[in-house]
N, C-alpha and C. Protein backbone atom coordinates (compact mmCIF):
# COMPACT_ATOMS: atom_id res chain seq x y z
N MET A 1 120.51 99.97 113.49
CA MET A 1 121.11 99.17 112.44
C MET A 1 122.58 98.99 112.76
N SER A 2 123.02 97.78 112.83
CA SER A 2 124.41 97.51 113.15
C SER A 2 125.27 97.64 111.89
N SER A 3 126.52 97.99 112.11
CA SER A 3 127.45 98.18 111.01
C SER A 3 128.01 96.83 110.57
N ARG A 4 128.23 96.71 109.26
CA ARG A 4 128.84 95.49 108.76
C ARG A 4 130.35 95.55 108.80
N LEU A 5 130.88 96.72 109.10
CA LEU A 5 132.33 96.87 109.17
C LEU A 5 132.85 96.35 110.51
N ASN A 6 134.08 95.92 110.48
CA ASN A 6 134.67 95.55 111.76
C ASN A 6 135.03 96.85 112.50
N PRO A 7 135.21 96.80 113.80
CA PRO A 7 135.42 98.03 114.59
C PRO A 7 136.59 98.89 114.11
N GLN A 8 137.65 98.26 113.64
CA GLN A 8 138.81 99.03 113.18
C GLN A 8 138.47 99.84 111.92
N ASP A 9 137.77 99.21 110.97
CA ASP A 9 137.37 99.92 109.76
C ASP A 9 136.34 101.00 110.07
N GLN A 10 135.43 100.72 110.99
CA GLN A 10 134.42 101.71 111.36
C GLN A 10 135.08 102.93 112.00
N GLN A 11 136.13 102.69 112.79
CA GLN A 11 136.86 103.79 113.42
C GLN A 11 137.53 104.65 112.34
N ARG A 12 138.09 104.01 111.32
CA ARG A 12 138.71 104.76 110.22
C ARG A 12 137.68 105.59 109.46
N VAL A 13 136.52 105.00 109.22
CA VAL A 13 135.46 105.73 108.52
C VAL A 13 135.00 106.92 109.36
N ASP A 14 134.81 106.73 110.64
CA ASP A 14 134.38 107.82 111.52
C ASP A 14 135.41 108.94 111.57
N SER A 15 136.68 108.59 111.66
CA SER A 15 137.71 109.63 111.70
C SER A 15 137.80 110.37 110.37
N TYR A 16 137.56 109.69 109.26
CA TYR A 16 137.57 110.32 107.95
C TYR A 16 136.40 111.32 107.83
N LEU A 17 135.24 110.91 108.29
CA LEU A 17 134.07 111.79 108.18
C LEU A 17 134.13 112.96 109.15
N GLU A 18 134.86 112.83 110.24
CA GLU A 18 134.97 113.91 111.21
C GLU A 18 136.13 114.85 110.92
N SER A 19 136.87 114.61 109.85
CA SER A 19 137.98 115.50 109.53
C SER A 19 137.45 116.86 109.10
N PRO A 20 138.23 117.92 109.28
CA PRO A 20 137.74 119.28 109.01
C PRO A 20 137.31 119.52 107.56
N ILE A 21 137.86 118.78 106.62
CA ILE A 21 137.51 119.02 105.22
C ILE A 21 136.06 118.62 104.92
N HIS A 22 135.49 117.76 105.75
CA HIS A 22 134.12 117.31 105.55
C HIS A 22 133.13 118.10 106.41
N GLN A 23 133.60 119.07 107.14
CA GLN A 23 132.73 119.89 107.98
C GLN A 23 132.45 121.20 107.25
N VAL A 24 131.31 121.28 106.58
CA VAL A 24 130.94 122.47 105.82
C VAL A 24 130.09 123.37 106.71
N PRO A 25 130.54 124.60 106.94
CA PRO A 25 129.72 125.50 107.77
C PRO A 25 128.48 125.94 106.99
N ARG A 26 127.34 125.80 107.59
CA ARG A 26 126.09 126.17 106.94
C ARG A 26 125.32 127.14 107.82
N ARG A 27 124.57 128.01 107.14
CA ARG A 27 123.70 128.90 107.89
C ARG A 27 122.48 128.11 108.36
N PRO A 28 121.82 128.56 109.42
CA PRO A 28 120.63 127.85 109.87
C PRO A 28 119.52 127.92 108.82
N PHE A 29 118.76 126.87 108.73
CA PHE A 29 117.65 126.80 107.77
C PHE A 29 116.54 127.71 108.24
N LYS A 30 116.04 128.56 107.33
CA LYS A 30 114.99 129.51 107.69
C LYS A 30 113.70 129.12 106.97
N VAL A 31 112.76 128.60 107.75
CA VAL A 31 111.51 128.10 107.21
C VAL A 31 110.68 129.24 106.64
N TRP A 32 110.70 130.40 107.28
CA TRP A 32 109.84 131.51 106.85
C TRP A 32 110.23 132.02 105.47
N ILE A 33 111.51 132.01 105.15
CA ILE A 33 111.93 132.45 103.82
C ILE A 33 111.42 131.48 102.75
N LEU A 34 111.53 130.20 103.02
CA LEU A 34 111.02 129.20 102.08
C LEU A 34 109.51 129.33 101.92
N LEU A 35 108.80 129.53 103.02
CA LEU A 35 107.35 129.69 102.97
C LEU A 35 106.98 130.93 102.17
N ALA A 36 107.69 132.04 102.35
CA ALA A 36 107.42 133.27 101.60
C ALA A 36 107.70 133.07 100.12
N LEU A 37 108.76 132.36 99.78
CA LEU A 37 109.05 132.11 98.37
C LEU A 37 107.97 131.25 97.71
N VAL A 38 107.52 130.23 98.40
CA VAL A 38 106.48 129.36 97.85
C VAL A 38 105.18 130.14 97.71
N ALA A 39 104.80 130.90 98.74
CA ALA A 39 103.55 131.67 98.68
C ALA A 39 103.64 132.75 97.59
N GLY A 40 104.78 133.40 97.47
CA GLY A 40 104.94 134.43 96.44
C GLY A 40 104.87 133.85 95.04
N SER A 41 105.48 132.70 94.82
CA SER A 41 105.43 132.11 93.49
C SER A 41 104.02 131.63 93.15
N VAL A 42 103.29 131.09 94.12
CA VAL A 42 101.91 130.68 93.88
C VAL A 42 101.05 131.91 93.56
N LEU A 43 101.27 132.99 94.28
CA LEU A 43 100.51 134.21 94.05
C LEU A 43 100.79 134.78 92.66
N VAL A 44 102.06 134.86 92.29
CA VAL A 44 102.42 135.40 90.97
C VAL A 44 101.89 134.52 89.86
N LEU A 45 102.04 133.22 89.98
CA LEU A 45 101.52 132.32 88.94
C LEU A 45 100.00 132.35 88.86
N GLY A 46 99.33 132.49 90.00
CA GLY A 46 97.88 132.60 90.00
C GLY A 46 97.41 133.87 89.31
N LEU A 47 98.07 134.99 89.60
CA LEU A 47 97.72 136.25 88.94
C LEU A 47 97.99 136.18 87.44
N LEU A 48 99.10 135.57 87.06
CA LEU A 48 99.43 135.42 85.65
C LEU A 48 98.39 134.57 84.93
N SER A 49 97.95 133.49 85.56
CA SER A 49 96.94 132.64 84.92
C SER A 49 95.61 133.37 84.79
N ARG A 50 95.25 134.20 85.78
CA ARG A 50 94.01 134.97 85.67
C ARG A 50 94.09 135.98 84.54
N MET A 51 95.24 136.65 84.42
CA MET A 51 95.41 137.63 83.35
C MET A 51 95.34 136.95 81.98
N LEU A 52 96.00 135.81 81.83
CA LEU A 52 95.94 135.10 80.56
C LEU A 52 94.54 134.59 80.28
N GLY A 53 93.82 134.17 81.30
CA GLY A 53 92.45 133.71 81.11
C GLY A 53 91.54 134.84 80.66
N GLN A 54 91.73 136.02 81.20
CA GLN A 54 90.92 137.16 80.78
C GLN A 54 91.26 137.57 79.35
N LEU A 55 92.51 137.45 78.95
CA LEU A 55 92.88 137.79 77.58
C LEU A 55 92.26 136.82 76.58
N VAL A 56 92.19 135.56 76.94
CA VAL A 56 91.66 134.55 76.02
C VAL A 56 90.14 134.66 75.95
N VAL A 57 89.45 134.87 77.08
CA VAL A 57 88.01 134.92 77.13
C VAL A 57 87.50 136.23 76.52
N ALA A 58 88.19 137.33 76.77
CA ALA A 58 87.71 138.64 76.29
C ALA A 58 87.88 138.86 74.83
């Protein structure tokens, strides 16, 4: 996709975005932690629904 800005304006935008204030240090994304959180929440909610179902049926 080509830019609609003229080269001088595009250079200003690039230098603005590359300034240190816009460089936020981030930790690497850890897929396994996200997967564990999703699996744990599904497990806890599943157990909770089974317990509530047994309370209602019994």
